[in-house]
Amino acid sequence: MSWRVRAAAMAAAVVSVSAMTAARADQDQEGALEMRVRAVYLDPANGSDAYAPLAIPQDAIHINSKWLPDVDFEYFFAPHWSSELVLTYPQSQTVTVEKSALGGPTAIGSFKHLPPTLTLKYDFLPDGVFRPYLGVGVNLTLISDVSLNVPTVGPLTLDKSSVGFAAQAGFDVQLAPHWYANADLKWVEISSDVKFDGTRISTAHIDPLLIGVGVGYRF
């Protein structure tokens, strides 16, 4: 075999190996979209105004803490910058008045809320195994199925929606190509006027901390 044939064969082999390596790299390269699922603990601040006619003190209107699922979609539009949309299904919350002229605690009913949140995030180490981030954004909470009634007084109503500020901090840890563990902390501004017969008697400031752990896949 002449040196020209040997050189051509070696060149063909190098080109073939390079092509396979490039194809494999293309397959392993992560895209701009990541999807996560999380278990989230909702810890409400439970702030509220006092209502003297019923001897309800400040911060006496409480909703329950609970675990809930969420799914989020994150789009990376620059190496350090991304946006995240957090979704869940309508969550049911019970409402208790801790102290009033009726004594207490008094359970007065429940409502449902759907709280999608959109944030803009800064990713400090976008190519690292450990990837911390900070984010700010907006929350829109839709309130439905309100069933609140104060014994001897009558039914109460809530606003149908709340728009407020959201802030978050967290990190991803790469487990394998495309796969990540995630820990996330959000604070979300959620409030609603509490009304009796159309008149506001208090404003409930739910303002929860959302403590989440989960797993993500980057396409």
N, C-alpha and C. Protein backbone atom coordinates (compact mmCIF):
# COMPACT_ATOMS: atom_id res chain seq x y z
N MET A 1 0.87 -1.20 0.00
CA MET A 1 0.00 0.00 0.00
C MET A 1 0.89 1.23 0.00
N SER A 2 0.68 2.13 -0.96
CA SER A 2 1.50 3.33 -1.05
C SER A 2 1.23 4.27 0.10
N TRP A 3 2.19 5.19 0.33
CA TRP A 3 2.01 6.14 1.43
C TRP A 3 0.79 7.03 1.19
N ARG A 4 0.48 7.28 -0.13
CA ARG A 4 -0.69 8.11 -0.42
C ARG A 4 -1.98 7.42 0.03
N VAL A 5 -2.07 6.10 -0.22
CA VAL A 5 -3.25 5.35 0.19
C VAL A 5 -3.35 5.29 1.71
N ARG A 6 -2.18 5.05 2.35
CA ARG A 6 -2.19 5.02 3.82
C ARG A 6 -2.59 6.37 4.40
N ALA A 7 -2.10 7.44 3.82
CA ALA A 7 -2.45 8.78 4.29
C ALA A 7 -3.93 9.07 4.10
N ALA A 8 -4.45 8.65 2.94
CA ALA A 8 -5.88 8.85 2.68
C ALA A 8 -6.74 8.06 3.65
N ALA A 9 -6.33 6.82 3.95
CA ALA A 9 -7.08 5.99 4.90
C ALA A 9 -7.05 6.60 6.29
N MET A 10 -5.87 7.08 6.70
CA MET A 10 -5.77 7.71 8.02
C MET A 10 -6.61 8.98 8.08
N ALA A 11 -6.60 9.76 7.00
CA ALA A 11 -7.42 10.98 6.97
C ALA A 11 -8.89 10.65 7.05
N ALA A 12 -9.29 9.59 6.32
CA ALA A 12 -10.70 9.18 6.37
C ALA A 12 -11.09 8.73 7.77
N ALA A 13 -10.17 8.00 8.43
CA ALA A 13 -10.45 7.55 9.80
C ALA A 13 -10.58 8.73 10.74
N VAL A 14 -9.68 9.71 10.59
CA VAL A 14 -9.75 10.90 11.46
C VAL A 14 -11.05 11.65 11.24
N VAL A 15 -11.43 11.81 9.96
CA VAL A 15 -12.69 12.51 9.65
C VAL A 15 -13.88 11.76 10.23
N SER A 16 -13.86 10.42 10.13
CA SER A 16 -14.98 9.61 10.65
C SER A 16 -15.09 9.76 12.16
N VAL A 17 -13.93 9.64 12.86
CA VAL A 17 -13.95 9.78 14.32
C VAL A 17 -14.40 11.17 14.72
N SER A 18 -13.90 12.20 14.00
CA SER A 18 -14.31 13.57 14.31
C SER A 18 -15.80 13.78 14.11
N ALA A 19 -16.33 13.19 13.03
CA ALA A 19 -17.77 13.33 12.75
C ALA A 19 -18.60 12.67 13.83
N MET A 20 -18.15 11.45 14.28
CA MET A 20 -18.90 10.75 15.34
C MET A 20 -18.82 11.53 16.64
N THR A 21 -17.63 12.09 16.93
CA THR A 21 -17.48 12.88 18.16
C THR A 21 -18.35 14.11 18.12
N ALA A 22 -18.38 14.78 16.96
CA ALA A 22 -19.22 15.98 16.84
C ALA A 22 -20.69 15.64 16.98
N ALA A 23 -21.09 14.51 16.36
CA ALA A 23 -22.49 14.09 16.47
C ALA A 23 -22.86 13.79 17.91
N ARG A 24 -21.91 13.10 18.62
CA ARG A 24 -22.18 12.78 20.02
C ARG A 24 -22.25 14.06 20.86
N ALA A 25 -21.35 15.03 20.56
CA ALA A 25 -21.37 16.29 21.29
C ALA A 25 -22.68 17.02 21.05
N ASP A 26 -23.16 16.99 19.79
CA ASP A 26 -24.45 17.63 19.49
C ASP A 26 -25.57 16.98 20.27
N GLN A 27 -25.52 15.64 20.41
CA GLN A 27 -26.56 14.95 21.15
C GLN A 27 -26.51 15.30 22.64
N ASP A 28 -25.25 15.49 23.17
CA ASP A 28 -25.11 15.76 24.60
C ASP A 28 -25.32 17.23 24.93
N GLN A 29 -25.25 18.10 23.93
CA GLN A 29 -25.39 19.53 24.19
C GLN A 29 -26.79 19.83 24.70
N GLU A 30 -26.85 20.62 25.78
CA GLU A 30 -28.14 20.95 26.38
C GLU A 30 -28.73 22.18 25.70
N GLY A 31 -30.05 22.16 25.59
CA GLY A 31 -30.74 23.25 24.93
C GLY A 31 -31.10 24.37 25.89
N ALA A 32 -32.02 25.22 25.44
CA ALA A 32 -32.37 26.43 26.17
C ALA A 32 -33.55 26.26 27.11
N LEU A 33 -34.18 25.09 27.12
CA LEU A 33 -35.39 24.89 27.92
C LEU A 33 -35.16 23.84 29.00
N GLU A 34 -35.54 24.18 30.23
CA GLU A 34 -35.48 23.22 31.34
C GLU A 34 -36.87 23.11 31.98
N MET A 35 -37.26 21.89 32.30
CA MET A 35 -38.53 21.64 32.99
C MET A 35 -38.23 21.01 34.34
N ARG A 36 -38.92 21.47 35.38
CA ARG A 36 -38.74 20.92 36.72
C ARG A 36 -40.09 20.51 37.31
N VAL A 37 -40.02 19.56 38.22
CA VAL A 37 -41.15 19.27 39.11
C VAL A 37 -40.62 19.40 40.53
N ARG A 38 -41.45 19.98 41.40
CA ARG A 38 -41.03 20.22 42.77
C ARG A 38 -42.15 19.85 43.75
N ALA A 39 -41.74 19.51 44.96
CA ALA A 39 -42.63 19.51 46.11
C ALA A 39 -42.36 20.82 46.86
N VAL A 40 -43.41 21.58 47.13
CA VAL A 40 -43.27 22.93 47.68
C VAL A 40 -44.06 23.04 48.98
N TYR A 41 -43.41 23.58 50.01
CA TYR A 41 -44.09 23.83 51.28
C TYR A 41 -44.49 25.30 51.33
N LEU A 42 -45.79 25.55 51.45
CA LEU A 42 -46.33 26.90 51.53
C LEU A 42 -46.45 27.31 52.99
N ASP A 43 -45.73 28.36 53.36
CA ASP A 43 -45.71 28.86 54.74
C ASP A 43 -46.19 30.31 54.74
N PRO A 44 -47.49 30.55 55.00
CA PRO A 44 -48.04 31.90 54.87
C PRO A 44 -47.62 32.81 56.03
N ALA A 45 -47.49 34.12 55.72
CA ALA A 45 -47.17 35.10 56.76
C ALA A 45 -48.37 35.37 57.66
N ASN A 46 -49.59 35.29 57.10
CA ASN A 46 -50.83 35.45 57.87
C ASN A 46 -50.91 36.79 58.60
N GLY A 47 -50.69 37.85 57.85
CA GLY A 47 -50.95 39.18 58.38
C GLY A 47 -52.34 39.63 58.01
N SER A 48 -53.00 40.39 58.90
CA SER A 48 -54.34 40.91 58.62
C SER A 48 -54.63 42.10 59.51
N ASP A 49 -55.60 42.91 59.09
CA ASP A 49 -56.01 44.08 59.87
C ASP A 49 -56.97 43.68 60.98
N ALA A 50 -56.94 44.44 62.06
CA ALA A 50 -57.90 44.24 63.14
C ALA A 50 -59.29 44.71 62.71
N TYR A 51 -60.33 44.12 63.35
CA TYR A 51 -61.72 44.53 63.11
C TYR A 51 -62.41 44.64 64.45
N ALA A 52 -62.50 45.88 64.93
CA ALA A 52 -62.99 46.14 66.29
C ALA A 52 -64.42 45.67 66.55
N PRO A 53 -65.39 45.82 65.60
CA PRO A 53 -66.77 45.41 65.92
C PRO A 53 -66.90 43.94 66.31
N LEU A 54 -66.02 43.08 65.82
CA LEU A 54 -66.06 41.67 66.21
C LEU A 54 -64.90 41.29 67.13
N ALA A 55 -64.19 42.30 67.63
CA ALA A 55 -63.05 42.08 68.53
C ALA A 55 -62.00 41.16 67.91
N ILE A 56 -61.79 41.31 66.60
CA ILE A 56 -60.75 40.54 65.91
C ILE A 56 -59.45 41.34 65.94
N PRO A 57 -58.42 40.84 66.58
CA PRO A 57 -57.17 41.59 66.65
C PRO A 57 -56.37 41.52 65.35
N GLN A 58 -55.32 42.29 65.30
CA GLN A 58 -54.43 42.26 64.15
C GLN A 58 -53.80 40.88 63.99
N ASP A 59 -53.64 40.45 62.74
CA ASP A 59 -52.98 39.19 62.37
C ASP A 59 -53.70 37.95 62.91
N ALA A 60 -55.02 38.04 63.04
CA ALA A 60 -55.79 36.90 63.58
C ALA A 60 -56.37 36.00 62.49
N ILE A 61 -56.38 36.46 61.23
CA ILE A 61 -56.93 35.65 60.15
C ILE A 61 -55.81 34.79 59.57
N HIS A 62 -55.94 33.48 59.68
CA HIS A 62 -54.89 32.56 59.26
C HIS A 62 -55.38 31.60 58.18
N ILE A 63 -54.49 31.28 57.24
CA ILE A 63 -54.72 30.14 56.36
C ILE A 63 -53.69 29.06 56.70
N ASN A 64 -53.98 27.84 56.29
CA ASN A 64 -53.12 26.72 56.69
C ASN A 64 -51.85 26.64 55.85
N SER A 65 -50.78 26.15 56.47
CA SER A 65 -49.59 25.74 55.74
C SER A 65 -49.87 24.40 55.07
N LYS A 66 -49.14 24.10 53.98
CA LYS A 66 -49.37 22.83 53.30
C LYS A 66 -48.26 22.55 52.30
N TRP A 67 -48.13 21.27 51.93
CA TRP A 67 -47.29 20.86 50.81
C TRP A 67 -48.14 20.86 49.54
N LEU A 68 -47.53 21.29 48.44
CA LEU A 68 -48.22 21.28 47.15
C LEU A 68 -47.22 20.98 46.04
N PRO A 69 -47.69 20.47 44.90
CA PRO A 69 -46.81 20.22 43.77
C PRO A 69 -46.74 21.45 42.85
N ASP A 70 -45.60 21.61 42.20
CA ASP A 70 -45.57 22.59 41.11
C ASP A 70 -44.71 22.06 39.97
N VAL A 71 -44.92 22.63 38.81
CA VAL A 71 -44.10 22.34 37.64
C VAL A 71 -43.67 23.69 37.07
N ASP A 72 -42.40 23.80 36.67
CA ASP A 72 -41.97 25.08 36.10
C ASP A 72 -41.19 24.85 34.82
N PHE A 73 -41.22 25.87 33.99
CA PHE A 73 -40.52 25.86 32.70
C PHE A 73 -39.59 27.06 32.69
N GLU A 74 -38.30 26.80 32.46
CA GLU A 74 -37.29 27.85 32.45
C GLU A 74 -36.67 27.93 31.06
N TYR A 75 -36.60 29.17 30.53
CA TYR A 75 -36.01 29.39 29.21
C TYR A 75 -34.75 30.23 29.38
N PHE A 76 -33.62 29.72 28.89
CA PHE A 76 -32.33 30.40 28.98
C PHE A 76 -32.11 31.18 27.68
N PHE A 77 -32.23 32.52 27.75
CA PHE A 77 -32.08 33.33 26.54
C PHE A 77 -30.71 33.98 26.44
N ALA A 78 -29.86 33.82 27.44
CA ALA A 78 -28.47 34.27 27.43
C ALA A 78 -27.72 33.40 28.44
N PRO A 79 -26.37 33.36 28.38
CA PRO A 79 -25.66 32.45 29.28
C PRO A 79 -26.02 32.61 30.75
N HIS A 80 -26.20 33.84 31.21
CA HIS A 80 -26.47 34.08 32.63
C HIS A 80 -27.93 34.42 32.92
N TRP A 81 -28.76 34.57 31.91
CA TRP A 81 -30.11 35.08 32.11
C TRP A 81 -31.15 34.09 31.62
N SER A 82 -32.23 33.99 32.39
CA SER A 82 -33.32 33.09 32.03
C SER A 82 -34.62 33.63 32.61
N SER A 83 -35.72 33.06 32.18
CA SER A 83 -37.03 33.37 32.76
C SER A 83 -37.70 32.07 33.15
N GLU A 84 -38.45 32.11 34.23
CA GLU A 84 -39.08 30.91 34.77
C GLU A 84 -40.57 31.14 35.01
N LEU A 85 -41.38 30.22 34.52
CA LEU A 85 -42.82 30.25 34.75
C LEU A 85 -43.18 29.08 35.65
N VAL A 86 -43.79 29.37 36.80
CA VAL A 86 -44.14 28.36 37.80
C VAL A 86 -45.65 28.16 37.79
N LEU A 87 -46.07 26.89 37.68
CA LEU A 87 -47.49 26.57 37.59
C LEU A 87 -47.85 25.47 38.58
N THR A 88 -49.09 25.45 39.00
CA THR A 88 -49.66 24.35 39.76
C THR A 88 -51.15 24.30 39.43
N TYR A 89 -51.90 23.46 40.11
CA TYR A 89 -53.35 23.46 39.93
C TYR A 89 -53.99 24.19 41.11
N PRO A 90 -55.28 24.58 41.04
CA PRO A 90 -55.91 25.33 42.13
C PRO A 90 -55.77 24.61 43.48
N GLN A 91 -55.28 25.36 44.47
CA GLN A 91 -55.02 24.82 45.79
C GLN A 91 -56.11 25.26 46.77
N SER A 92 -56.58 24.34 47.58
CA SER A 92 -57.60 24.64 48.58
C SER A 92 -56.94 25.01 49.91
N GLN A 93 -57.42 26.08 50.52
CA GLN A 93 -56.90 26.53 51.81
C GLN A 93 -58.04 26.72 52.80
N THR A 94 -57.82 26.33 54.04
CA THR A 94 -58.79 26.57 55.10
C THR A 94 -58.45 27.88 55.81
N VAL A 95 -59.48 28.54 56.32
CA VAL A 95 -59.32 29.84 56.97
C VAL A 95 -59.82 29.74 58.41
N THR A 96 -59.01 30.27 59.32
CA THR A 96 -59.34 30.24 60.75
C THR A 96 -59.14 31.63 61.32
N VAL A 97 -60.09 32.07 62.16
CA VAL A 97 -59.94 33.31 62.92
C VAL A 97 -59.46 32.90 64.32
N GLU A 98 -58.24 33.28 64.64
CA GLU A 98 -57.61 32.78 65.87
C GLU A 98 -58.26 33.35 67.13
N LYS A 99 -58.79 34.57 67.05
CA LYS A 99 -59.40 35.20 68.24
C LYS A 99 -60.42 36.22 67.78
N SER A 100 -61.59 36.24 68.44
CA SER A 100 -62.64 37.21 68.11
C SER A 100 -63.64 37.24 69.24
N ALA A 101 -64.74 38.00 69.03
CA ALA A 101 -65.81 38.04 70.04
C ALA A 101 -66.45 36.67 70.22
N LEU A 102 -66.27 35.78 69.25
CA LEU A 102 -66.83 34.42 69.35
C LEU A 102 -65.89 33.47 70.08
N GLY A 103 -64.74 33.96 70.49
CA GLY A 103 -63.73 33.09 71.10
C GLY A 103 -62.68 32.76 70.07
N GLY A 104 -62.27 31.53 70.04
CA GLY A 104 -61.30 31.13 69.03
C GLY A 104 -60.40 30.02 69.52
N PRO A 105 -59.70 29.40 68.56
CA PRO A 105 -59.80 29.63 67.11
C PRO A 105 -61.14 29.17 66.53
N THR A 106 -61.61 29.87 65.49
CA THR A 106 -62.88 29.56 64.84
C THR A 106 -62.64 29.31 63.36
N ALA A 107 -62.93 28.10 62.89
CA ALA A 107 -62.82 27.81 61.46
C ALA A 107 -64.01 28.44 60.73
N ILE A 108 -63.72 29.22 59.68
CA ILE A 108 -64.81 29.93 59.00
C ILE A 108 -64.97 29.48 57.54
N GLY A 109 -64.20 28.50 57.08
CA GLY A 109 -64.43 28.00 55.73
C GLY A 109 -63.16 27.84 54.93
N SER A 110 -63.27 27.95 53.61
CA SER A 110 -62.15 27.69 52.73
C SER A 110 -62.29 28.48 51.44
N PHE A 111 -61.20 28.47 50.65
CA PHE A 111 -61.21 29.05 49.31
C PHE A 111 -60.13 28.33 48.50
N LYS A 112 -60.13 28.55 47.18
CA LYS A 112 -59.09 28.01 46.32
C LYS A 112 -58.32 29.15 45.67
N HIS A 113 -57.04 28.89 45.40
CA HIS A 113 -56.23 29.89 44.72
C HIS A 113 -55.34 29.21 43.69
N LEU A 114 -55.11 29.90 42.57
CA LEU A 114 -54.23 29.44 41.50
C LEU A 114 -53.16 30.52 41.33
N PRO A 115 -51.89 30.23 41.70
CA PRO A 115 -50.89 31.30 41.80
C PRO A 115 -49.73 31.23 40.80
N PRO A 116 -49.95 31.31 39.48
CA PRO A 116 -48.81 31.29 38.55
C PRO A 116 -47.86 32.46 38.82
N THR A 117 -46.56 32.17 38.69
CA THR A 117 -45.52 33.17 38.99
C THR A 117 -44.51 33.17 37.85
N LEU A 118 -44.13 34.36 37.40
CA LEU A 118 -43.14 34.53 36.34
C LEU A 118 -41.98 35.34 36.88
N THR A 119 -40.74 34.81 36.75
CA THR A 119 -39.57 35.52 37.26
C THR A 119 -38.50 35.66 36.19
N LEU A 120 -37.67 36.67 36.36
CA LEU A 120 -36.44 36.86 35.59
C LEU A 120 -35.29 36.47 36.50
N LYS A 121 -34.42 35.56 36.03
CA LYS A 121 -33.38 34.99 36.89
C LYS A 121 -31.99 35.30 36.36
N TYR A 122 -31.05 35.49 37.32
CA TYR A 122 -29.64 35.60 36.99
C TYR A 122 -28.94 34.35 37.49
N ASP A 123 -28.30 33.64 36.58
CA ASP A 123 -27.60 32.39 36.91
C ASP A 123 -26.11 32.69 37.03
N PHE A 124 -25.55 32.52 38.24
CA PHE A 124 -24.18 32.93 38.51
C PHE A 124 -23.15 32.03 37.82
N LEU A 125 -23.39 30.72 37.79
CA LEU A 125 -22.43 29.76 37.23
C LEU A 125 -23.16 28.86 36.23
N PRO A 126 -23.50 29.38 35.06
CA PRO A 126 -24.36 28.62 34.14
C PRO A 126 -23.73 27.34 33.61
N ASP A 127 -22.40 27.20 33.70
CA ASP A 127 -21.75 25.99 33.19
C ASP A 127 -21.20 25.10 34.31
N GLY A 128 -21.49 25.44 35.55
CA GLY A 128 -20.95 24.68 36.66
C GLY A 128 -21.82 23.48 37.03
N VAL A 129 -21.25 22.61 37.84
CA VAL A 129 -22.04 21.53 38.43
C VAL A 129 -23.02 22.10 39.45
N PHE A 130 -22.56 23.08 40.23
CA PHE A 130 -23.40 23.80 41.19
C PHE A 130 -23.77 25.14 40.57
N ARG A 131 -25.06 25.41 40.42
CA ARG A 131 -25.52 26.57 39.66
C ARG A 131 -26.50 27.42 40.47
N PRO A 132 -26.00 28.35 41.29
CA PRO A 132 -26.90 29.21 42.09
C PRO A 132 -27.53 30.30 41.23
N TYR A 133 -28.68 30.80 41.71
CA TYR A 133 -29.37 31.85 40.97
C TYR A 133 -30.19 32.72 41.92
N LEU A 134 -30.50 33.93 41.45
CA LEU A 134 -31.45 34.84 42.10
C LEU A 134 -32.47 35.27 41.05
N GLY A 135 -33.68 35.60 41.50
CA GLY A 135 -34.71 36.01 40.56
C GLY A 135 -35.70 36.98 41.18
N VAL A 136 -36.31 37.79 40.34
CA VAL A 136 -37.41 38.68 40.74
C VAL A 136 -38.49 38.59 39.68
N GLY A 137 -39.72 38.86 40.09
CA GLY A 137 -40.79 38.77 39.10
C GLY A 137 -42.13 39.18 39.66
N VAL A 138 -43.18 38.58 39.10
CA VAL A 138 -44.55 38.95 39.43
C VAL A 138 -45.39 37.70 39.63
N ASN A 139 -46.31 37.79 40.56
CA ASN A 139 -47.27 36.72 40.83
C ASN A 139 -48.68 37.20 40.54
N LEU A 140 -49.45 36.35 39.87
CA LEU A 140 -50.89 36.58 39.68
C LEU A 140 -51.62 35.44 40.35
N THR A 141 -52.37 35.73 41.40
CA THR A 141 -53.14 34.71 42.10
C THR A 141 -54.62 34.88 41.80
N LEU A 142 -55.23 33.83 41.29
CA LEU A 142 -56.67 33.83 41.00
C LEU A 142 -57.38 33.10 42.12
N ILE A 143 -58.38 33.74 42.73
CA ILE A 143 -59.09 33.21 43.89
C ILE A 143 -60.49 32.78 43.48
N SER A 144 -60.88 31.57 43.88
CA SER A 144 -62.17 31.03 43.49
C SER A 144 -62.75 30.16 44.60
N ASP A 145 -63.97 29.69 44.40
CA ASP A 145 -64.65 28.77 45.32
C ASP A 145 -64.57 29.25 46.76
N VAL A 146 -64.87 30.53 46.95
CA VAL A 146 -64.82 31.11 48.31
C VAL A 146 -66.05 30.65 49.08
N SER A 147 -65.82 30.01 50.20
CA SER A 147 -66.92 29.55 51.06
C SER A 147 -66.56 29.88 52.50
N LEU A 148 -66.80 31.14 52.87
CA LEU A 148 -66.45 31.65 54.19
C LEU A 148 -67.71 32.15 54.89
N ASN A 149 -67.88 31.76 56.14
CA ASN A 149 -69.05 32.18 56.89
C ASN A 149 -68.70 32.32 58.36
N VAL A 150 -68.98 33.49 58.93
CA VAL A 150 -68.75 33.72 60.35
C VAL A 150 -70.03 33.41 61.11
N PRO A 151 -70.00 32.48 62.05
CA PRO A 151 -71.22 32.12 62.80
C PRO A 151 -71.86 33.35 63.44
N THR A 152 -73.16 33.43 63.32
CA THR A 152 -74.01 34.51 63.85
C THR A 152 -73.82 35.84 63.11
N VAL A 153 -72.91 35.89 62.14
CA VAL A 153 -72.66 37.14 61.40
C VAL A 153 -73.10 37.00 59.95
N GLY A 154 -72.52 36.02 59.22
CA GLY A 154 -72.89 35.82 57.83
C GLY A 154 -71.71 35.53 56.95
N PRO A 155 -71.94 35.43 55.63
CA PRO A 155 -70.88 35.06 54.70
C PRO A 155 -69.91 36.22 54.44
N LEU A 156 -68.66 35.84 54.13
CA LEU A 156 -67.63 36.79 53.75
C LEU A 156 -67.21 36.51 52.31
N THR A 157 -66.67 37.53 51.64
CA THR A 157 -66.15 37.36 50.29
C THR A 157 -64.70 37.82 50.24
N LEU A 158 -63.99 37.36 49.19
CA LEU A 158 -62.61 37.77 48.94
C LEU A 158 -62.50 38.35 47.53
N ASP A 159 -61.43 39.12 47.30
CA ASP A 159 -61.15 39.58 45.94
C ASP A 159 -60.95 38.38 45.02
N LYS A 160 -61.21 38.56 43.75
CA LYS A 160 -61.07 37.46 42.80
C LYS A 160 -59.63 37.26 42.33
N SER A 161 -58.76 38.25 42.57
CA SER A 161 -57.38 38.12 42.12
C SER A 161 -56.46 38.99 42.96
N SER A 162 -55.17 38.66 42.87
CA SER A 162 -54.13 39.44 43.54
C SER A 162 -52.92 39.47 42.64
N VAL A 163 -52.31 40.64 42.48
CA VAL A 163 -51.08 40.79 41.71
C VAL A 163 -50.02 41.35 42.65
N GLY A 164 -48.84 40.72 42.68
CA GLY A 164 -47.82 41.17 43.61
C GLY A 164 -46.42 40.79 43.19
N PHE A 165 -45.46 41.27 43.94
CA PHE A 165 -44.04 41.05 43.69
C PHE A 165 -43.64 39.64 44.10
N ALA A 166 -42.65 39.09 43.42
CA ALA A 166 -42.09 37.78 43.77
C ALA A 166 -40.57 37.86 43.74
N ALA A 167 -39.92 37.18 44.67
CA ALA A 167 -38.46 37.09 44.71
C ALA A 167 -38.07 35.65 44.98
N GLN A 168 -36.92 35.24 44.43
CA GLN A 168 -36.51 33.85 44.62
C GLN A 168 -34.99 33.73 44.69
N ALA A 169 -34.54 32.65 45.32
CA ALA A 169 -33.13 32.27 45.36
C ALA A 169 -33.08 30.76 45.38
N GLY A 170 -32.06 30.20 44.77
CA GLY A 170 -31.97 28.74 44.76
C GLY A 170 -30.75 28.27 44.01
N PHE A 171 -30.71 26.98 43.74
CA PHE A 171 -29.59 26.42 42.98
C PHE A 171 -30.00 25.10 42.34
N ASP A 172 -29.33 24.81 41.23
CA ASP A 172 -29.38 23.50 40.58
C ASP A 172 -28.05 22.80 40.82
N VAL A 173 -28.09 21.48 40.94
CA VAL A 173 -26.88 20.66 41.01
C VAL A 173 -26.99 19.61 39.91
N GLN A 174 -25.99 19.57 39.02
CA GLN A 174 -26.05 18.61 37.91
C GLN A 174 -25.79 17.20 38.43
N LEU A 175 -26.72 16.30 38.14
CA LEU A 175 -26.61 14.90 38.53
C LEU A 175 -26.04 14.04 37.41
N ALA A 176 -26.37 14.39 36.17
CA ALA A 176 -25.97 13.66 34.98
C ALA A 176 -26.25 14.58 33.80
N PRO A 177 -25.76 14.27 32.61
CA PRO A 177 -26.12 15.11 31.46
C PRO A 177 -27.64 15.31 31.37
N HIS A 178 -28.05 16.57 31.35
CA HIS A 178 -29.45 16.99 31.23
C HIS A 178 -30.22 16.95 32.55
N TRP A 179 -29.76 16.25 33.58
CA TRP A 179 -30.53 16.06 34.80
C TRP A 179 -29.96 16.87 35.96
N TYR A 180 -30.88 17.51 36.76
CA TYR A 180 -30.48 18.39 37.85
C TYR A 180 -31.36 18.17 39.07
N ALA A 181 -30.73 18.26 40.26
CA ALA A 181 -31.49 18.42 41.50
C ALA A 181 -31.65 19.92 41.75
N ASN A 182 -32.76 20.30 42.37
CA ASN A 182 -33.05 21.72 42.56
C ASN A 182 -33.56 21.98 43.96
N ALA A 183 -33.10 23.10 44.54
CA ALA A 183 -33.68 23.63 45.78
C ALA A 183 -34.00 25.10 45.53
N ASP A 184 -35.18 25.54 45.98
CA ASP A 184 -35.67 26.86 45.59
C ASP A 184 -36.45 27.48 46.75
N LEU A 185 -36.23 28.77 46.96
CA LEU A 185 -36.97 29.54 47.97
C LEU A 185 -37.57 30.76 47.30
N LYS A 186 -38.88 30.91 47.44
CA LYS A 186 -39.56 32.09 46.90
C LYS A 186 -40.33 32.81 48.00
N TRP A 187 -40.42 34.13 47.87
CA TRP A 187 -41.35 34.92 48.67
C TRP A 187 -42.29 35.59 47.68
N VAL A 188 -43.59 35.45 47.93
CA VAL A 188 -44.60 35.93 46.99
C VAL A 188 -45.59 36.83 47.72
N GLU A 189 -45.85 37.98 47.14
CA GLU A 189 -46.79 38.93 47.72
C GLU A 189 -48.21 38.60 47.26
N ILE A 190 -49.05 38.15 48.19
CA ILE A 190 -50.45 37.82 47.90
C ILE A 190 -51.32 38.44 48.97
N SER A 191 -52.31 39.19 48.57
CA SER A 191 -53.23 39.80 49.55
C SER A 191 -54.63 39.85 48.96
N SER A 192 -55.62 39.96 49.85
CA SER A 192 -57.02 40.05 49.42
C SER A 192 -57.83 40.80 50.46
N ASP A 193 -58.71 41.67 50.01
CA ASP A 193 -59.67 42.30 50.92
C ASP A 193 -60.71 41.27 51.36
N VAL A 194 -61.03 41.30 52.64
CA VAL A 194 -62.08 40.47 53.21
C VAL A 194 -63.31 41.36 53.40
N LYS A 195 -64.43 40.95 52.79
CA LYS A 195 -65.60 41.82 52.78
C LYS A 195 -66.82 41.12 53.37
N PHE A 196 -67.61 41.94 54.09
CA PHE A 196 -68.91 41.49 54.59
C PHE A 196 -69.98 42.42 54.03
N ASP A 197 -70.92 41.84 53.31
CA ASP A 197 -72.01 42.61 52.71
C ASP A 197 -71.45 43.73 51.83
N GLY A 198 -70.34 43.43 51.10
CA GLY A 198 -69.75 44.39 50.18
C GLY A 198 -68.82 45.40 50.79
N THR A 199 -68.68 45.40 52.12
CA THR A 199 -67.83 46.37 52.82
C THR A 199 -66.57 45.68 53.33
N ARG A 200 -65.42 46.29 53.08
CA ARG A 200 -64.16 45.71 53.53
C ARG A 200 -64.08 45.77 55.05
N ILE A 201 -63.81 44.62 55.66
CA ILE A 201 -63.62 44.60 57.11
C ILE A 201 -62.17 44.30 57.49
N SER A 202 -61.38 43.79 56.53
CA SER A 202 -59.97 43.52 56.79
C SER A 202 -59.28 43.26 55.46
N THR A 203 -57.97 43.27 55.47
CA THR A 203 -57.17 42.82 54.34
C THR A 203 -56.25 41.72 54.83
N ALA A 204 -56.33 40.57 54.19
CA ALA A 204 -55.48 39.44 54.55
C ALA A 204 -54.21 39.48 53.69
N HIS A 205 -53.07 39.54 54.35
CA HIS A 205 -51.77 39.53 53.67
C HIS A 205 -51.18 38.13 53.84
N ILE A 206 -51.36 37.30 52.82
CA ILE A 206 -50.91 35.90 52.92
C ILE A 206 -49.39 35.81 52.77
N ASP A 207 -48.85 36.49 51.76
CA ASP A 207 -47.41 36.68 51.56
C ASP A 207 -46.58 35.44 51.95
N PRO A 208 -46.75 34.32 51.28
CA PRO A 208 -46.11 33.09 51.73
C PRO A 208 -44.64 32.97 51.33
N LEU A 209 -43.89 32.21 52.13
CA LEU A 209 -42.63 31.64 51.70
C LEU A 209 -42.95 30.30 51.05
N LEU A 210 -42.31 30.02 49.93
CA LEU A 210 -42.50 28.76 49.21
C LEU A 210 -41.15 28.06 49.16
N ILE A 211 -41.04 26.96 49.88
CA ILE A 211 -39.78 26.24 50.03
C ILE A 211 -39.88 24.97 49.20
N GLY A 212 -39.08 24.88 48.13
CA GLY A 212 -39.25 23.78 47.18
C GLY A 212 -38.00 22.94 46.97
N VAL A 213 -38.20 21.67 46.74
CA VAL A 213 -37.14 20.74 46.34
C VAL A 213 -37.68 19.91 45.18
N GLY A 214 -36.80 19.60 44.22
CA GLY A 214 -37.29 18.85 43.08
C GLY A 214 -36.18 18.42 42.15
N VAL A 215 -36.58 18.07 40.94
CA VAL A 215 -35.65 17.58 39.93
C VAL A 215 -36.01 18.23 38.60
N GLY A 216 -34.99 18.50 37.78
CA GLY A 216 -35.22 19.12 36.49
C GLY A 216 -34.50 18.41 35.36
N TYR A 217 -35.02 18.61 34.15
CA TYR A 217 -34.42 18.04 32.94
C TYR A 217 -34.27 19.18 31.94
N ARG A 218 -33.04 19.38 31.47
CA ARG A 218 -32.78 20.42 30.47
C ARG A 218 -32.68 19.77 29.09
N PHE A 219 -33.54 20.19 28.19
CA PHE A 219 -33.63 19.58 26.87
C PHE A 219 -32.48 20.04 25.96
